[in-house]
């Protein structure tokens, strides 16, 4: 009997005339919201959000809940050696590569209930919708819930590029090393290399996510078609002056590291805003030494970060900032030293996937905007394996990584349905409904 059902379902997809007589296939947005509210109980905090930090008891309990949903959706669920949850659904053509969808459910401390969760539970909903309607896909489908995305995409890095010993031995926000955290979640850090996949091994990776910014909400748009994920370059900047008594050192005899640092902060903002484009630059922290009211600071350290889709633009800004810092230093009797780090390279989304996402939204009557992602995502690491695409839904007020993070139920439903239509459009391009 099961074979007959699968054959009939396959014929239904293959025959446009038969499909046209059926009601349009839709994901159940209300069910996604119900699952979001249930998941929010794991790590719930008094501020109204969630503190489901990776490798904590709340993280493991939340994963167990999601694993139950994945099984209910007909997925074959396993935990890979990196600790990622992997749900698989067979396709009808064994020669085709899998279409992969998913996101993460771990949070920052005192985070919200939507970052990562919307994409993860919408991916599970897609599988459940297909299962309930006995829809067979040509491609295999994989739903992946990545572990520790907030720890700079550790689970997806293990799949995409691989984790080295230094990353495994680093200490996570939970207080556990990544090695111990992976083991805590059911992975096997001694065999973690087995999770790394071969480039070209996937048909595509599609991730639905909240915007985490305010553009869509401010412009009253429903869907963001992501054109790429920005690269991130940062540096710890040390400003060296001369510490001296604040009461006895005349203003014109000071080598004030704080004054030079303050002028550096203003200069960075001027450089970044002085170039046409959507690049951003930030000084996120600053520390003065010795740090007393009555001492002219002799050393200041600060953290700067630059982001843009164009890696060359990021590097050009960095070089201009470094050159102007030297000028500031000479004028203030101080020196600047940069310890530069490249956190991630830009990851552009595939133009074909952009088109399928945009057309899927259009067929649903939804407004769209082509836009960059200013935040990092697991898609960035999955780009090492094949084409990537991302779908954004509005974040009310642009809030994210905070308890008041919120996306409207109707926007969540819209995103889940764009994801569904996109996956089906990729699976059978000429027959997407």
Protein backbone atom coordinates (compact mmCIF):
# COMPACT_ATOMS: atom_id res chain seq x y z
CA UNK A 1 0.00 0.00 0.00
CA UNK A 2 2.86 2.38 0.86
CA UNK A 3 4.39 1.82 -2.59
CA UNK A 4 1.09 2.71 -4.28
CA UNK A 5 0.83 5.96 -2.29
CA UNK A 6 4.39 6.99 -3.24
CA UNK A 7 3.76 6.20 -6.92
CA UNK A 8 0.50 8.16 -6.95
CA UNK A 9 2.18 11.11 -5.21
CA UNK A 10 5.00 11.06 -7.74
CA UNK A 11 2.55 11.00 -10.61
CA UNK A 12 0.66 13.91 -9.08
CA UNK A 13 3.84 16.05 -9.06
CA UNK A 14 4.78 14.95 -12.56
CA UNK A 15 1.39 15.83 -14.05
CA UNK A 16 0.72 19.60 -14.08
CA UNK A 17 -2.89 19.08 -15.15
CA UNK A 18 -3.58 16.83 -12.19
CA UNK A 19 -1.83 19.25 -9.84
CA UNK A 20 -3.80 22.23 -11.05
CA UNK A 21 -6.99 20.61 -9.81
CA UNK A 22 -5.59 20.46 -6.29
CA UNK A 23 -5.60 23.32 -3.77
CA UNK A 24 -2.23 25.17 -3.69
CA UNK A 25 0.24 23.45 -1.39
CA UNK A 26 0.92 25.61 1.66
CA UNK A 27 3.02 25.35 4.78
CA UNK A 28 1.15 25.76 8.06
CA UNK A 29 2.43 29.05 9.47
CA UNK A 30 0.29 28.76 12.60
CA UNK A 31 1.91 25.44 13.40
CA UNK A 32 5.38 26.99 13.02
CA UNK A 33 4.42 29.71 15.51
CA UNK A 34 3.08 27.09 17.95
CA UNK A 35 6.35 25.20 17.73
CA UNK A 36 8.29 28.46 18.24
CA UNK A 37 6.36 29.15 21.43
CA UNK A 38 6.97 25.62 22.69
CA UNK A 39 10.69 25.86 21.92
CA UNK A 40 10.88 29.19 23.76
CA UNK A 41 10.28 27.35 27.05
CA UNK A 42 13.75 25.80 26.86
CA UNK A 43 16.07 28.39 28.38
CA UNK A 44 13.29 30.92 28.97
CA UNK A 45 14.55 33.95 30.85
CA UNK A 46 12.80 36.56 33.03
CA UNK A 47 13.27 39.25 30.36
CA UNK A 48 10.85 37.42 28.05
CA UNK A 49 13.47 35.99 25.73
CA UNK A 50 15.67 32.93 25.89
CA UNK A 51 19.18 32.11 27.09
CA UNK A 52 19.69 28.85 25.23
CA UNK A 53 23.45 29.08 24.93
CA UNK A 54 25.12 26.24 23.05
CA UNK A 55 26.25 23.23 25.11
CA UNK A 56 24.01 24.06 28.07
CA UNK A 57 21.21 21.89 29.47
CA UNK A 58 18.65 24.22 27.84
CA UNK A 59 20.34 23.75 24.46
CA UNK A 60 20.30 19.98 24.75
CA UNK A 61 16.66 19.95 25.91
CA UNK A 62 15.63 22.23 23.02
CA UNK A 63 17.39 19.95 20.57
CA UNK A 64 15.53 16.93 21.94
CA UNK A 65 12.24 18.76 21.38
CA UNK A 66 13.18 19.61 17.79
CA UNK A 67 14.34 16.04 17.15
CA UNK A 68 10.83 14.90 18.11
CA UNK A 69 9.32 17.34 15.59
CA UNK A 70 11.71 16.12 12.92
CA UNK A 71 10.70 12.51 13.48
CA UNK A 72 7.01 13.48 13.45
CA UNK A 73 7.68 15.08 10.05
CA UNK A 74 8.85 11.75 8.69
CA UNK A 75 12.55 12.57 8.70
CA UNK A 76 15.23 10.02 9.49
CA UNK A 77 17.12 11.82 12.26
CA UNK A 78 20.74 11.40 13.31
CA UNK A 79 23.45 13.39 15.09
CA UNK A 80 26.64 13.74 13.08
CA UNK A 81 30.07 13.63 14.70
CA UNK A 82 30.09 17.46 14.97
CA UNK A 83 26.85 17.45 16.98
CA UNK A 84 24.59 18.73 14.20
CA UNK A 85 21.03 17.36 13.96
CA UNK A 86 20.50 15.92 10.48
CA UNK A 87 17.04 14.92 9.21
CA UNK A 88 16.90 13.09 5.89
CA UNK A 89 14.10 12.42 3.41
CA UNK A 90 14.78 10.26 0.38
CA UNK A 91 14.23 11.49 -3.17
CA UNK A 92 12.95 9.49 -6.12
CA UNK A 93 16.14 9.93 -8.17
CA UNK A 94 19.13 8.42 -6.40
CA UNK A 95 21.52 10.16 -8.81
CA UNK A 96 20.58 13.65 -7.59
CA UNK A 97 22.37 15.59 -4.87
CA UNK A 98 20.45 16.72 -1.75
CA UNK A 99 18.74 20.06 -1.30
CA UNK A 100 19.69 21.19 2.21
CA UNK A 101 17.67 23.56 4.41
CA UNK A 102 17.91 24.55 8.07
CA UNK A 103 19.40 26.95 10.61
CA UNK A 104 20.19 26.84 14.35
CA UNK A 105 18.36 26.98 17.71
CA UNK A 106 21.15 28.05 20.08
CA UNK A 107 20.99 31.66 21.28
CA UNK A 108 23.16 34.39 22.68
CA UNK A 109 22.82 35.06 26.43
CA UNK A 110 19.55 36.94 27.00
CA UNK A 111 18.60 36.53 23.35
CA UNK A 112 15.26 36.28 21.59
CA UNK A 113 12.90 33.58 20.36
CA UNK A 114 13.25 34.04 16.59
CA UNK A 115 16.92 34.22 15.57
CA UNK A 116 17.68 30.82 14.02
CA UNK A 117 14.50 29.27 15.39
CA UNK A 118 12.26 30.57 12.59
CA UNK A 119 14.44 29.03 9.90
CA UNK A 120 14.92 25.77 11.78
CA UNK A 121 11.25 25.16 12.53
CA UNK A 122 10.14 26.33 9.09
CA UNK A 123 12.51 23.76 7.58
CA UNK A 124 10.91 21.07 9.73
CA UNK A 125 7.47 22.38 8.71
CA UNK A 126 8.43 22.02 5.05
CA UNK A 127 9.21 18.34 5.60
CA UNK A 128 5.99 17.87 7.56
CA UNK A 129 3.93 19.52 4.82
CA UNK A 130 5.43 17.26 2.18
CA UNK A 131 4.87 14.23 4.39
CA UNK A 132 1.22 15.06 5.14
CA UNK A 133 0.43 15.58 1.46
CA UNK A 134 2.44 12.54 0.35
CA UNK A 135 4.62 14.68 -1.90
CA UNK A 136 7.72 12.93 -3.23
CA UNK A 137 10.70 15.07 -4.28
CA UNK A 138 13.18 14.07 -6.97
CA UNK A 139 16.11 15.29 -4.88
CA UNK A 140 16.86 14.01 -1.40
CA UNK A 141 15.97 16.58 1.26
CA UNK A 142 18.12 17.27 4.32
CA UNK A 143 17.10 19.41 7.26
CA UNK A 144 20.11 20.41 9.38
CA UNK A 145 19.93 22.09 12.78
CA UNK A 146 23.48 23.35 13.21
CA UNK A 147 25.11 23.33 16.61
CA UNK A 148 26.60 26.48 18.14
CA UNK A 149 25.98 28.97 15.35
CA UNK A 150 26.46 31.80 17.83
CA UNK A 151 29.99 30.50 18.46
CA UNK A 152 30.92 31.71 14.95
CA UNK A 153 29.11 28.94 13.05
CA UNK A 154 30.94 25.98 14.59
CA UNK A 155 28.58 23.22 13.40
CA UNK A 156 28.40 24.47 9.83
CA UNK A 157 32.16 25.09 9.77
CA UNK A 158 32.69 21.44 10.70
CA UNK A 159 30.60 20.45 7.69
CA UNK A 160 31.98 23.04 5.28
CA UNK A 161 35.68 23.58 5.99
CA UNK A 162 36.34 21.39 9.00
CA UNK A 163 37.27 22.29 12.58
CA UNK A 164 40.91 22.31 13.61
CA UNK A 165 42.31 21.37 17.01
CA UNK A 166 42.56 24.98 18.15
CA UNK A 167 38.83 25.54 17.60
CA UNK A 168 37.96 22.27 19.32
CA UNK A 169 40.03 23.26 22.35
CA UNK A 170 38.64 26.82 22.55
CA UNK A 171 36.28 27.63 25.40
CA UNK A 172 32.65 28.36 24.51
CA UNK A 173 30.20 30.70 26.24
CA UNK A 174 28.87 27.72 28.21
CA UNK A 175 32.25 27.36 29.94
CA UNK A 176 32.86 24.03 28.19
CA UNK A 177 35.45 23.58 25.50
CA UNK A 178 34.00 23.05 22.04
CA UNK A 179 35.35 19.49 22.23
CA UNK A 180 33.41 18.77 25.43
CA UNK A 181 30.35 20.63 24.11
CA UNK A 182 30.20 18.54 20.95
CA UNK A 183 30.38 15.40 23.08
CA UNK A 184 27.67 16.80 25.40
CA UNK A 185 25.32 17.13 22.42
CA UNK A 186 25.90 13.58 21.23
CA UNK A 187 28.68 14.18 18.72
CA UNK A 188 32.12 12.60 18.67
CA UNK A 189 34.93 15.17 18.63
CA UNK A 190 37.55 12.49 18.03
CA UNK A 191 35.82 11.66 14.72
CA UNK A 192 34.69 15.19 13.87
CA UNK A 193 36.55 15.16 10.54
CA UNK A 194 33.96 12.65 9.32
CA UNK A 195 31.34 15.43 9.31
CA UNK A 196 33.24 17.45 6.72
CA UNK A 197 31.58 17.18 3.31
CA UNK A 198 33.04 17.33 -0.16
CA UNK A 199 32.68 20.58 -2.17
CA UNK A 200 30.00 20.13 -4.81
CA UNK A 201 28.17 17.47 -2.77
CA UNK A 202 24.90 19.42 -2.41
CA UNK A 203 22.44 20.74 -4.97
CA UNK A 204 21.84 23.88 -2.91
CA UNK A 205 21.52 25.20 0.62
CA UNK A 206 18.57 27.48 1.41
CA UNK A 207 18.19 29.24 4.77
CA UNK A 208 15.20 31.19 6.01
CA UNK A 209 16.08 33.73 8.69
CA UNK A 210 14.77 36.85 10.38
CA UNK A 211 16.46 39.95 8.98
CA UNK A 212 17.92 41.02 12.36
CA UNK A 213 17.80 44.59 11.05
CA UNK A 214 15.04 47.10 10.39
CA UNK A 215 15.08 47.59 6.60
CA UNK A 216 12.15 45.35 5.65
CA UNK A 217 10.05 46.51 8.59
CA UNK A 218 10.76 50.19 7.93
CA UNK A 219 10.00 49.88 4.21
CA UNK A 220 6.91 47.71 4.79
CA UNK A 221 8.26 44.89 2.66
CA UNK A 222 7.56 41.21 3.22
CA UNK A 223 10.52 39.20 1.90
CA UNK A 224 14.22 39.92 1.62
CA UNK A 225 16.08 38.13 -1.16
CA UNK A 226 19.61 37.99 0.17
CA UNK A 227 22.33 38.82 -2.37
CA UNK A 228 25.19 37.81 -0.10
CA UNK A 229 26.58 37.63 3.42
CA UNK A 230 29.15 40.26 4.27
CA UNK A 231 32.76 39.54 5.02
CA UNK A 232 34.05 40.59 8.43
CA UNK A 233 37.49 41.99 9.21
CA UNK A 234 38.43 43.12 12.69
CA UNK A 235 41.46 44.29 14.59
CA UNK A 236 42.54 44.97 18.13
CA UNK A 237 44.10 48.41 18.06
CA UNK A 238 46.63 49.47 20.70
CA UNK A 239 47.33 53.18 21.18
CA UNK A 240 50.55 53.90 23.09
CA UNK A 241 51.07 57.27 24.77
CA UNK A 242 52.71 58.19 28.08
CA UNK A 243 50.91 57.84 31.40
CA UNK A 244 51.34 60.91 33.62
CA UNK A 245 49.76 62.81 36.48
CA UNK A 246 46.50 64.38 35.33
CA UNK A 247 46.84 67.37 37.65
CA UNK A 248 50.44 68.36 37.03
CA UNK A 249 50.84 67.63 33.30
CA UNK A 250 49.92 70.66 31.16
CA UNK A 251 47.59 70.01 28.26
CA UNK A 252 50.24 70.91 25.70
CA UNK A 253 52.75 68.45 27.18
CA UNK A 254 50.55 65.36 27.18
CA UNK A 255 50.90 62.15 25.16
CA UNK A 256 47.28 61.22 25.81
CA UNK A 257 46.44 57.79 24.40
CA UNK A 258 42.73 58.32 25.10
CA UNK A 259 42.59 61.55 23.12
CA UNK A 260 44.27 59.81 20.17
CA UNK A 261 41.86 56.89 20.50
CA UNK A 262 38.85 59.23 20.55
CA UNK A 263 40.05 60.89 17.36
CA UNK A 264 40.55 57.43 15.86
CA UNK A 265 36.92 56.47 16.55
CA UNK A 266 35.65 59.60 14.82
CA UNK A 267 38.05 59.05 11.91
CA UNK A 268 36.88 55.45 11.36
CA UNK A 269 33.28 56.63 11.12
CA UNK A 270 34.29 59.33 8.63
CA UNK A 271 36.20 56.88 6.42
CA UNK A 272 33.39 54.32 6.36
CA UNK A 273 30.61 56.83 5.67
CA UNK A 274 32.71 58.72 3.11
CA UNK A 275 32.56 55.91 0.55
CA UNK A 276 29.38 55.22 -1.46
CA UNK A 277 27.95 51.83 -0.57
CA UNK A 278 26.46 49.80 2.28
CA UNK A 279 29.65 49.02 4.20
CA UNK A 280 29.67 49.41 7.98
CA UNK A 281 32.38 50.03 10.53
CA UNK A 282 32.25 49.86 14.32
CA UNK A 283 34.42 50.38 17.37
CA UNK A 284 32.75 47.97 19.74
CA UNK A 285 34.85 48.24 22.89
CA UNK A 286 37.55 50.40 24.43
CA UNK A 287 39.78 50.07 27.49
CA UNK A 288 42.09 52.70 29.05
CA UNK A 289 45.12 51.98 31.19
CA UNK A 290 45.86 52.50 33.98
CA UNK A 291 42.22 53.55 34.19
CA UNK A 292 42.21 56.13 36.98
CA UNK A 293 40.56 59.55 37.21
CA UNK A 294 43.85 61.28 37.99
CA UNK A 295 46.11 59.63 35.39
CA UNK A 296 46.50 60.61 31.74
CA UNK A 297 45.98 57.28 29.95
CA UNK A 298 49.25 55.83 28.68
CA UNK A 299 47.68 52.98 26.74
CA UNK A 300 44.29 52.42 25.17
CA UNK A 301 43.12 49.26 23.43
CA UNK A 302 40.00 49.11 21.32
CA UNK A 303 38.23 46.70 19.01
CA UNK A 304 37.30 47.76 15.49
CA UNK A 305 35.30 45.85 12.88
CA UNK A 306 34.56 46.38 9.17
CA UNK A 307 31.89 44.58 7.10
CA UNK A 308 30.93 44.58 3.42
CA UNK A 309 30.04 42.24 0.57
CA UNK A 310 33.16 43.39 -1.31
CA UNK A 311 36.34 42.01 0.27
CA UNK A 312 38.52 44.54 -1.60
CA UNK A 313 36.47 47.44 -0.26
CA UNK A 314 36.94 46.13 3.29
CA UNK A 315 40.69 45.91 2.78
CA UNK A 316 40.87 49.36 1.17
CA UNK A 317 39.02 50.88 4.14
CA UNK A 318 41.35 49.12 6.53
CA UNK A 319 44.43 50.50 4.79
CA UNK A 320 43.01 54.04 4.77
CA UNK A 321 42.15 53.79 8.48
CA UNK A 322 45.65 52.55 9.26
CA UNK A 323 47.25 55.43 7.31
CA UNK A 324 45.09 58.08 8.98
CA UNK A 325 45.79 56.55 12.39
CA UNK A 326 49.48 57.24 11.87
CA UNK A 327 48.65 60.90 11.21
CA UNK A 328 46.58 61.07 14.41
CA UNK A 329 49.40 59.44 16.34
CA UNK A 330 52.01 61.94 15.19
CA UNK A 331 49.73 64.86 16.07
CA UNK A 332 49.06 63.50 19.57
CA UNK A 333 52.43 62.06 20.56
CA UNK A 334 51.14 58.50 20.37
CA UNK A 335 51.60 55.39 18.24
CA UNK A 336 49.09 52.91 16.83
CA UNK A 337 49.56 49.16 16.54
CA UNK A 338 47.03 46.88 14.73
CA UNK A 339 46.52 43.17 15.33
CA UNK A 340 44.36 42.29 12.34
CA UNK A 341 42.02 39.28 12.07
CA UNK A 342 39.88 38.14 9.15
CA UNK A 343 36.79 36.50 10.68
CA UNK A 344 35.07 35.56 7.46
CA UNK A 345 35.13 36.22 3.74
CA UNK A 346 32.03 37.49 1.91
CA UNK A 347 29.72 34.72 0.66
CA UNK A 348 27.62 35.72 -2.34
CA UNK A 349 24.36 33.90 -2.92
CA UNK A 350 23.73 32.13 -6.21
CA UNK A 351 21.93 34.31 -8.81
CA UNK A 352 19.79 31.35 -9.89
CA UNK A 353 18.64 30.80 -6.31
CA UNK A 354 17.96 34.52 -5.92
CA UNK A 355 15.70 34.30 -8.98
CA UNK A 356 13.84 31.23 -7.68
CA UNK A 357 13.30 32.85 -4.27
CA UNK A 358 12.08 36.09 -5.87
CA UNK A 359 9.73 34.27 -8.23
CA UNK A 360 8.40 32.12 -5.38
CA UNK A 361 7.58 35.24 -3.36
CA UNK A 362 6.00 36.88 -6.42
CA UNK A 363 3.74 33.85 -6.99
CA UNK A 364 2.58 34.23 -3.40
CA UNK A 365 1.81 37.92 -3.96
CA UNK A 366 4.58 39.09 -1.62
CA UNK A 367 6.74 42.20 -1.97
CA UNK A 368 10.52 41.69 -2.10
CA UNK A 369 13.83 43.51 -1.80
CA UNK A 370 17.29 42.39 -2.91
CA UNK A 371 19.53 43.06 0.08
CA UNK A 372 22.76 42.01 1.80
CA UNK A 373 22.99 40.21 5.11
CA UNK A 374 25.00 42.25 7.57
CA UNK A 375 25.15 39.33 10.02
CA UNK A 376 26.96 36.03 9.65
CA UNK A 377 24.95 32.83 9.05
CA UNK A 378 25.50 29.12 8.62
CA UNK A 379 24.90 29.67 4.90
CA UNK A 380 28.31 31.35 4.83
CA UNK A 381 30.02 28.05 5.64
CA UNK A 382 27.69 25.94 3.48
CA UNK A 383 28.81 28.04 0.51
CA UNK A 384 31.97 25.90 0.52
CA UNK A 385 29.83 22.94 -0.57
CA UNK A 386 27.55 24.41 -3.23
CA UNK A 387 25.19 27.25 -4.19
CA UNK A 388 23.48 29.07 -1.32
CA UNK A 389 20.35 31.18 -1.05
CA UNK A 390 18.78 33.06 1.86
CA UNK A 391 15.28 34.35 2.58
CA UNK A 392 14.68 37.14 5.09
CA UNK A 393 11.46 38.06 6.88
CA UNK A 394 11.00 41.34 8.79
CA UNK A 395 12.25 41.87 12.32
CA UNK A 396 9.89 44.30 14.05
CA UNK A 397 11.80 47.44 14.99
CA UNK A 398 15.01 45.87 13.70
CA UNK A 399 15.63 44.22 17.09
CA UNK A 400 17.65 41.03 17.40
CA UNK A 401 19.90 39.28 19.92
CA UNK A 402 17.58 40.73 22.55
CA UNK A 403 14.50 39.51 24.47
CA UNK A 404 12.18 41.86 22.53
CA UNK A 405 13.18 40.33 19.18
CA UNK A 406 9.92 39.67 17.29
CA UNK A 407 8.59 38.68 13.89
CA UNK A 408 4.86 38.74 13.16
CA UNK A 409 3.06 35.39 12.72
CA UNK A 410 1.95 36.36 9.21
CA UNK A 411 5.57 37.11 8.24
CA UNK A 412 6.68 33.76 9.63
CA UNK A 413 4.00 32.04 7.56
CA UNK A 414 5.08 33.99 4.47
CA UNK A 415 8.68 32.95 4.97
CA UNK A 416 7.79 29.29 5.48
CA UNK A 417 5.78 29.30 2.24
CA UNK A 418 8.50 31.06 0.23
CA UNK A 419 10.91 28.39 1.52
CA UNK A 420 8.49 25.63 0.48
CA UNK A 421 7.94 27.02 -3.01
CA UNK A 422 11.66 27.67 -3.46
CA UNK A 423 12.60 24.10 -2.60
CA UNK A 424 9.91 22.68 -4.88
CA UNK A 425 10.97 25.10 -7.60
CA UNK A 426 14.55 23.85 -7.35
CA UNK A 427 13.42 20.24 -7.29
CA UNK A 428 11.26 20.56 -10.44
CA UNK A 429 11.95 23.97 -12.03
CA UNK A 430 9.51 23.60 -14.93
CA UNK A 431 6.65 22.46 -12.73
CA UNK A 432 6.79 24.70 -9.61
CA UNK A 433 3.27 25.73 -8.64
